């Protein structure tokens, strides 16, 4: 990564955060991995900055906002995936009853995605 000013690094970080979200929305896993790697490099460089210029503070606030927006997107997508997997993992057949009105376990394990018919 070539040397630059703090402002240039902040602008690059904002651009890569937006690119990361676009890759996530388009399900571009390779592009998202590349963007995340560049983002990590920029964050490592910017970690050494102790004082930020007053003119760059609105840009830093925008970066914080966009990064939190990405985090919310990733968290909600992960929750949706977990809910979906939980749905497919539920039992599809309830317990059945015997002739004496007692419950007996169903023979279906509930895994719709088990690969078994």
N, C-alpha and C. Protein backbone atom coordinates (compact mmCIF):
# COMPACT_ATOMS: atom_id res chain seq x y z
N UNK A 1 0.86 -1.17 0.00
CA UNK A 1 0.00 0.00 0.00
C UNK A 1 0.89 1.22 0.00
N UNK A 2 0.65 2.13 -0.91
CA UNK A 2 1.50 3.32 -1.01
C UNK A 2 1.17 4.30 0.10
N UNK A 3 2.15 5.12 0.42
CA UNK A 3 1.97 6.11 1.49
C UNK A 3 1.04 7.22 1.00
N UNK A 4 0.27 7.75 1.92
CA UNK A 4 -0.65 8.82 1.59
C UNK A 4 -0.99 9.61 2.83
N UNK A 5 -1.84 10.60 2.65
CA UNK A 5 -2.26 11.40 3.79
C UNK A 5 -3.40 10.70 4.52
N UNK A 6 -3.65 11.16 5.73
CA UNK A 6 -4.75 10.59 6.51
C UNK A 6 -6.07 10.76 5.77
N UNK A 7 -6.26 11.90 5.15
CA UNK A 7 -7.49 12.15 4.40
C UNK A 7 -7.66 11.14 3.27
N UNK A 8 -6.57 10.87 2.55
CA UNK A 8 -6.64 9.90 1.45
C UNK A 8 -6.98 8.50 1.96
N UNK A 9 -6.42 8.14 3.10
CA UNK A 9 -6.74 6.83 3.69
C UNK A 9 -8.20 6.77 4.12
N UNK A 10 -8.70 7.84 4.69
CA UNK A 10 -10.10 7.87 5.12
C UNK A 10 -11.05 7.76 3.92
N UNK A 11 -10.74 8.47 2.86
CA UNK A 11 -11.57 8.39 1.64
C UNK A 11 -11.52 6.98 1.07
N UNK A 12 -10.34 6.38 1.06
CA UNK A 12 -10.21 5.01 0.55
C UNK A 12 -10.99 4.04 1.43
N UNK A 13 -10.96 4.26 2.75
CA UNK A 13 -11.69 3.40 3.66
C UNK A 13 -13.20 3.51 3.43
N UNK A 14 -13.69 4.71 3.25
CA UNK A 14 -15.12 4.89 2.97
C UNK A 14 -15.51 4.19 1.67
N UNK A 15 -14.69 4.34 0.65
CA UNK A 15 -14.97 3.68 -0.63
C UNK A 15 -14.99 2.16 -0.50
N UNK A 16 -14.05 1.61 0.25
CA UNK A 16 -13.98 0.15 0.36
C UNK A 16 -15.11 -0.39 1.22
N UNK A 17 -15.57 0.37 2.20
CA UNK A 17 -16.72 -0.05 3.02
C UNK A 17 -17.97 -0.12 2.15
N UNK A 18 -18.15 0.86 1.29
CA UNK A 18 -19.31 0.85 0.38
C UNK A 18 -19.18 -0.29 -0.63
N UNK A 19 -17.97 -0.52 -1.12
CA UNK A 19 -17.74 -1.63 -2.05
C UNK A 19 -18.02 -2.97 -1.36
N UNK A 20 -17.64 -3.09 -0.10
CA UNK A 20 -17.88 -4.32 0.67
C UNK A 20 -19.38 -4.61 0.76
N UNK A 21 -20.18 -3.57 1.03
CA UNK A 21 -21.63 -3.75 1.12
C UNK A 21 -22.22 -4.13 -0.24
N UNK A 22 -21.73 -3.50 -1.31
CA UNK A 22 -22.22 -3.84 -2.65
C UNK A 22 -21.91 -5.30 -2.98
N UNK A 23 -20.72 -5.77 -2.62
CA UNK A 23 -20.36 -7.17 -2.87
C UNK A 23 -21.27 -8.10 -2.06
N UNK A 24 -21.57 -7.72 -0.84
CA UNK A 24 -22.45 -8.55 0.00
C UNK A 24 -23.84 -8.62 -0.61
N UNK A 25 -24.35 -7.49 -1.06
CA UNK A 25 -25.70 -7.48 -1.66
C UNK A 25 -25.76 -8.28 -2.94
N UNK A 26 -24.67 -8.30 -3.70
CA UNK A 26 -24.62 -9.03 -4.96
C UNK A 26 -24.13 -10.46 -4.79
N UNK A 27 -23.91 -10.88 -3.54
CA UNK A 27 -23.42 -12.21 -3.21
C UNK A 27 -22.09 -12.53 -3.91
N UNK A 28 -21.25 -11.52 -4.03
CA UNK A 28 -19.92 -11.67 -4.62
C UNK A 28 -18.93 -11.97 -3.49
N UNK A 29 -18.76 -13.25 -3.19
CA UNK A 29 -17.95 -13.65 -2.04
C UNK A 29 -16.49 -13.30 -2.24
N UNK A 30 -15.96 -13.53 -3.45
CA UNK A 30 -14.56 -13.23 -3.71
C UNK A 30 -14.29 -11.73 -3.62
N UNK A 31 -15.19 -10.93 -4.20
CA UNK A 31 -15.03 -9.47 -4.12
C UNK A 31 -15.13 -8.96 -2.70
N UNK A 32 -16.03 -9.56 -1.94
CA UNK A 32 -16.18 -9.15 -0.54
C UNK A 32 -14.94 -9.52 0.26
N UNK A 33 -14.37 -10.67 0.02
CA UNK A 33 -13.15 -11.08 0.73
C UNK A 33 -12.00 -10.15 0.39
N UNK A 34 -11.88 -9.77 -0.88
CA UNK A 34 -10.82 -8.84 -1.29
C UNK A 34 -11.03 -7.47 -0.66
N UNK A 35 -12.28 -7.00 -0.65
CA UNK A 35 -12.58 -5.70 -0.04
C UNK A 35 -12.30 -5.72 1.46
N UNK A 36 -12.62 -6.82 2.11
CA UNK A 36 -12.37 -6.93 3.55
C UNK A 36 -10.88 -6.91 3.84
N UNK A 37 -10.10 -7.55 2.99
CA UNK A 37 -8.65 -7.55 3.19
C UNK A 37 -8.08 -6.13 3.04
N UNK A 38 -8.53 -5.41 2.03
CA UNK A 38 -8.07 -4.03 1.84
C UNK A 38 -8.51 -3.16 3.01
N UNK A 39 -9.75 -3.38 3.47
CA UNK A 39 -10.27 -2.62 4.61
C UNK A 39 -9.42 -2.85 5.85
N UNK A 40 -9.05 -4.09 6.10
CA UNK A 40 -8.20 -4.40 7.25
C UNK A 40 -6.85 -3.70 7.15
N UNK A 41 -6.27 -3.66 5.95
CA UNK A 41 -4.99 -2.97 5.76
C UNK A 41 -5.12 -1.48 6.04
N UNK A 42 -6.22 -0.88 5.55
CA UNK A 42 -6.43 0.54 5.79
C UNK A 42 -6.63 0.83 7.28
N UNK A 43 -7.35 -0.04 7.95
CA UNK A 43 -7.58 0.15 9.38
C UNK A 43 -6.28 0.03 10.15
N UNK A 44 -5.40 -0.87 9.75
CA UNK A 44 -4.10 -1.00 10.41
C UNK A 44 -3.26 0.26 10.24
N UNK A 45 -3.32 0.85 9.05
CA UNK A 45 -2.58 2.10 8.81
C UNK A 45 -3.18 3.23 9.64
N UNK A 46 -4.50 3.31 9.64
CA UNK A 46 -5.17 4.40 10.36
C UNK A 46 -5.14 4.23 11.88
N UNK A 47 -4.82 3.03 12.35
CA UNK A 47 -4.74 2.80 13.80
C UNK A 47 -3.63 3.61 14.44
N UNK A 48 -2.66 4.01 13.65
CA UNK A 48 -1.53 4.78 14.18
C UNK A 48 -1.82 6.28 14.25
N UNK A 49 -2.91 6.70 13.69
CA UNK A 49 -3.28 8.13 13.71
C UNK A 49 -3.89 8.44 15.07
N UNK A 50 -3.30 9.40 15.77
CA UNK A 50 -3.78 9.75 17.11
C UNK A 50 -4.73 10.94 17.08
N UNK A 51 -4.43 11.92 16.23
CA UNK A 51 -5.25 13.13 16.14
C UNK A 51 -5.74 13.27 14.71
N UNK A 52 -7.03 13.52 14.58
CA UNK A 52 -7.62 13.67 13.25
C UNK A 52 -7.91 15.15 13.02
N UNK A 53 -7.70 15.60 11.81
CA UNK A 53 -7.93 16.99 11.45
C UNK A 53 -9.43 17.32 11.58
N UNK A 54 -9.74 18.54 11.94
CA UNK A 54 -11.13 18.96 12.10
C UNK A 54 -11.92 18.81 10.80
N UNK A 55 -11.27 19.03 9.67
CA UNK A 55 -11.94 18.90 8.38
C UNK A 55 -12.29 17.44 8.06
N UNK A 56 -11.57 16.50 8.67
CA UNK A 56 -11.79 15.07 8.41
C UNK A 56 -12.79 14.44 9.37
N UNK A 57 -13.21 15.16 10.40
CA UNK A 57 -14.13 14.57 11.38
C UNK A 57 -15.49 14.20 10.78
N UNK A 58 -16.07 15.03 9.89
CA UNK A 58 -17.32 14.58 9.24
C UNK A 58 -17.13 13.32 8.39
N UNK A 59 -15.97 13.21 7.76
CA UNK A 59 -15.67 12.02 6.96
C UNK A 59 -15.54 10.79 7.87
N UNK A 60 -14.91 10.96 9.02
CA UNK A 60 -14.78 9.86 9.98
C UNK A 60 -16.15 9.45 10.52
N UNK A 61 -17.02 10.42 10.74
CA UNK A 61 -18.38 10.11 11.20
C UNK A 61 -19.14 9.34 10.12
N UNK A 62 -18.96 9.72 8.86
CA UNK A 62 -19.60 9.01 7.76
C UNK A 62 -19.09 7.56 7.66
N UNK A 63 -17.78 7.39 7.86
CA UNK A 63 -17.19 6.05 7.85
C UNK A 63 -17.79 5.21 8.98
N UNK A 64 -17.90 5.79 10.16
CA UNK A 64 -18.50 5.07 11.30
C UNK A 64 -19.93 4.65 10.96
N UNK A 65 -20.70 5.58 10.38
CA UNK A 65 -22.09 5.30 10.03
C UNK A 65 -22.18 4.16 9.00
N UNK A 66 -21.38 4.24 7.95
CA UNK A 66 -21.42 3.22 6.89
C UNK A 66 -20.95 1.87 7.40
N UNK A 67 -19.95 1.87 8.28
CA UNK A 67 -19.46 0.61 8.81
C UNK A 67 -20.51 -0.04 9.72
N UNK A 68 -21.20 0.77 10.51
CA UNK A 68 -22.29 0.24 11.35
C UNK A 68 -23.44 -0.25 10.49
N UNK A 69 -23.67 0.42 9.38
CA UNK A 69 -24.71 -0.02 8.45
C UNK A 69 -24.38 -1.40 7.89
N UNK A 70 -23.11 -1.59 7.52
CA UNK A 70 -22.67 -2.91 7.05
C UNK A 70 -22.84 -3.96 8.16
N UNK A 71 -22.45 -3.60 9.37
CA UNK A 71 -22.55 -4.54 10.49
C UNK A 71 -24.01 -4.94 10.70
N UNK A 72 -24.92 -3.99 10.60
CA UNK A 72 -26.34 -4.31 10.76
C UNK A 72 -26.81 -5.23 9.63
N UNK A 73 -26.37 -4.96 8.42
CA UNK A 73 -26.73 -5.82 7.28
C UNK A 73 -26.24 -7.25 7.52
N UNK A 74 -24.98 -7.40 7.92
CA UNK A 74 -24.41 -8.72 8.13
C UNK A 74 -25.10 -9.43 9.30
N UNK A 75 -25.38 -8.70 10.36
CA UNK A 75 -26.03 -9.30 11.53
C UNK A 75 -27.45 -9.76 11.19
N UNK A 76 -28.20 -8.93 10.48
CA UNK A 76 -29.57 -9.32 10.13
C UNK A 76 -29.58 -10.47 9.12
N UNK A 77 -28.63 -10.49 8.19
CA UNK A 77 -28.55 -11.59 7.23
C UNK A 77 -28.20 -12.89 7.95
N UNK A 78 -27.30 -12.81 8.92
CA UNK A 78 -26.95 -14.00 9.68
C UNK A 78 -28.15 -14.49 10.49
N UNK A 79 -28.91 -13.58 11.07
CA UNK A 79 -30.12 -13.96 11.80
C UNK A 79 -31.13 -14.62 10.89
N UNK A 80 -31.28 -14.10 9.69
CA UNK A 80 -32.20 -14.69 8.72
C UNK A 80 -31.77 -16.10 8.35
N UNK A 81 -30.47 -16.29 8.15
CA UNK A 81 -29.95 -17.62 7.82
C UNK A 81 -30.17 -18.58 8.98
N UNK A 82 -29.93 -18.13 10.20
CA UNK A 82 -30.16 -18.98 11.38
C UNK A 82 -31.63 -19.36 11.49
N UNK A 83 -32.52 -18.40 11.30
CA UNK A 83 -33.95 -18.69 11.36
C UNK A 83 -34.36 -19.70 10.30
N UNK A 84 -33.81 -19.56 9.11
CA UNK A 84 -34.12 -20.48 8.03
C UNK A 84 -33.62 -21.88 8.34
N UNK A 85 -32.41 -21.98 8.84
CA UNK A 85 -31.86 -23.29 9.18
C UNK A 85 -32.64 -23.91 10.34
N UNK A 86 -33.08 -23.10 11.29
CA UNK A 86 -33.88 -23.61 12.39
C UNK A 86 -35.22 -24.13 11.88
N UNK A 87 -35.81 -23.41 10.93
CA UNK A 87 -37.08 -23.84 10.34
C UNK A 87 -36.92 -25.21 9.68
N UNK A 88 -35.86 -25.37 8.90
CA UNK A 88 -35.66 -26.63 8.20
C UNK A 88 -35.22 -27.74 9.14
N UNK A 89 -34.77 -27.39 10.33
CA UNK A 89 -34.36 -28.40 11.30
C UNK A 89 -35.47 -28.87 12.20
N UNK A 90 -36.61 -28.20 12.17
CA UNK A 90 -37.72 -28.60 13.03
C UNK A 90 -38.32 -29.92 12.57
N UNK A 91 -38.99 -30.54 13.50
CA UNK A 91 -39.70 -31.77 13.16
C UNK A 91 -40.87 -31.43 12.26
N UNK A 92 -41.02 -32.19 11.21
CA UNK A 92 -42.12 -31.94 10.29
C UNK A 92 -43.34 -32.77 10.65
N UNK A 93 -43.14 -33.78 11.49
CA UNK A 93 -44.25 -34.63 11.91
C UNK A 93 -44.31 -34.57 13.43
N UNK A 94 -45.47 -34.26 13.95
CA UNK A 94 -45.62 -34.22 15.40
C UNK A 94 -45.64 -35.63 15.96
N UNK A 95 -45.59 -35.72 17.26
CA UNK A 95 -45.68 -37.04 17.89
C UNK A 95 -47.05 -37.64 17.57
N UNK A 96 -47.07 -38.93 17.44
CA UNK A 96 -48.33 -39.62 17.15
C UNK A 96 -48.84 -40.29 18.42
N UNK A 97 -50.03 -40.79 18.37
CA UNK A 97 -50.66 -41.41 19.54
C UNK A 97 -50.85 -42.90 19.32
N UNK A 98 -50.74 -43.63 20.40
CA UNK A 98 -50.96 -45.08 20.35
C UNK A 98 -52.44 -45.36 20.52
N UNK A 99 -52.82 -46.64 20.44
CA UNK A 99 -54.22 -47.03 20.60
C UNK A 99 -54.71 -46.73 22.02
N UNK A 100 -53.79 -46.70 22.98
CA UNK A 100 -54.17 -46.42 24.38
C UNK A 100 -54.08 -44.93 24.69
N UNK A 101 -54.02 -44.09 23.67
CA UNK A 101 -53.96 -42.63 23.79
C UNK A 101 -52.66 -42.11 24.40
N UNK A 102 -51.62 -42.89 24.35
CA UNK A 102 -50.31 -42.44 24.80
C UNK A 102 -49.51 -41.89 23.63
N UNK A 103 -48.57 -41.00 23.91
CA UNK A 103 -47.75 -40.44 22.83
C UNK A 103 -46.62 -41.40 22.47
N UNK A 104 -46.32 -41.42 21.22
CA UNK A 104 -45.17 -42.20 20.75
C UNK A 104 -44.37 -41.29 19.81
N UNK A 105 -43.06 -41.42 19.84
CA UNK A 105 -42.20 -40.56 19.02
C UNK A 105 -42.38 -40.89 17.55
N UNK A 106 -42.39 -39.86 16.74
CA UNK A 106 -42.49 -40.06 15.29
C UNK A 106 -41.15 -40.56 14.77
N UNK A 107 -41.16 -41.22 13.65
CA UNK A 107 -39.94 -41.78 13.08
C UNK A 107 -39.22 -40.79 12.18
N UNK A 108 -39.72 -39.59 12.03
CA UNK A 108 -39.10 -38.57 11.19
C UNK A 108 -38.25 -37.69 12.09
N UNK A 109 -37.01 -37.44 11.69
CA UNK A 109 -36.12 -36.67 12.55
C UNK A 109 -36.26 -35.17 12.35
N UNK A 110 -37.00 -34.72 11.35
CA UNK A 110 -37.25 -33.30 11.17
C UNK A 110 -36.26 -32.58 10.30
N UNK A 111 -35.28 -33.23 9.80
CA UNK A 111 -34.30 -32.56 8.97
C UNK A 111 -34.73 -32.60 7.51
N UNK A 112 -35.32 -31.52 7.05
CA UNK A 112 -35.75 -31.47 5.66
C UNK A 112 -34.55 -31.46 4.71
N UNK A 113 -33.41 -30.99 5.20
CA UNK A 113 -32.24 -30.90 4.36
C UNK A 113 -31.25 -32.04 4.61
N UNK A 114 -31.72 -33.15 5.14
CA UNK A 114 -30.83 -34.25 5.49
C UNK A 114 -30.31 -34.99 4.26
N UNK A 115 -31.00 -34.87 3.14
CA UNK A 115 -30.59 -35.58 1.94
C UNK A 115 -31.22 -36.95 1.83
N UNK A 116 -31.98 -37.33 2.83
CA UNK A 116 -32.65 -38.64 2.81
C UNK A 116 -34.08 -38.47 2.39
N UNK A 117 -34.60 -39.45 1.68
CA UNK A 117 -35.99 -39.40 1.24
C UNK A 117 -36.81 -40.32 2.11
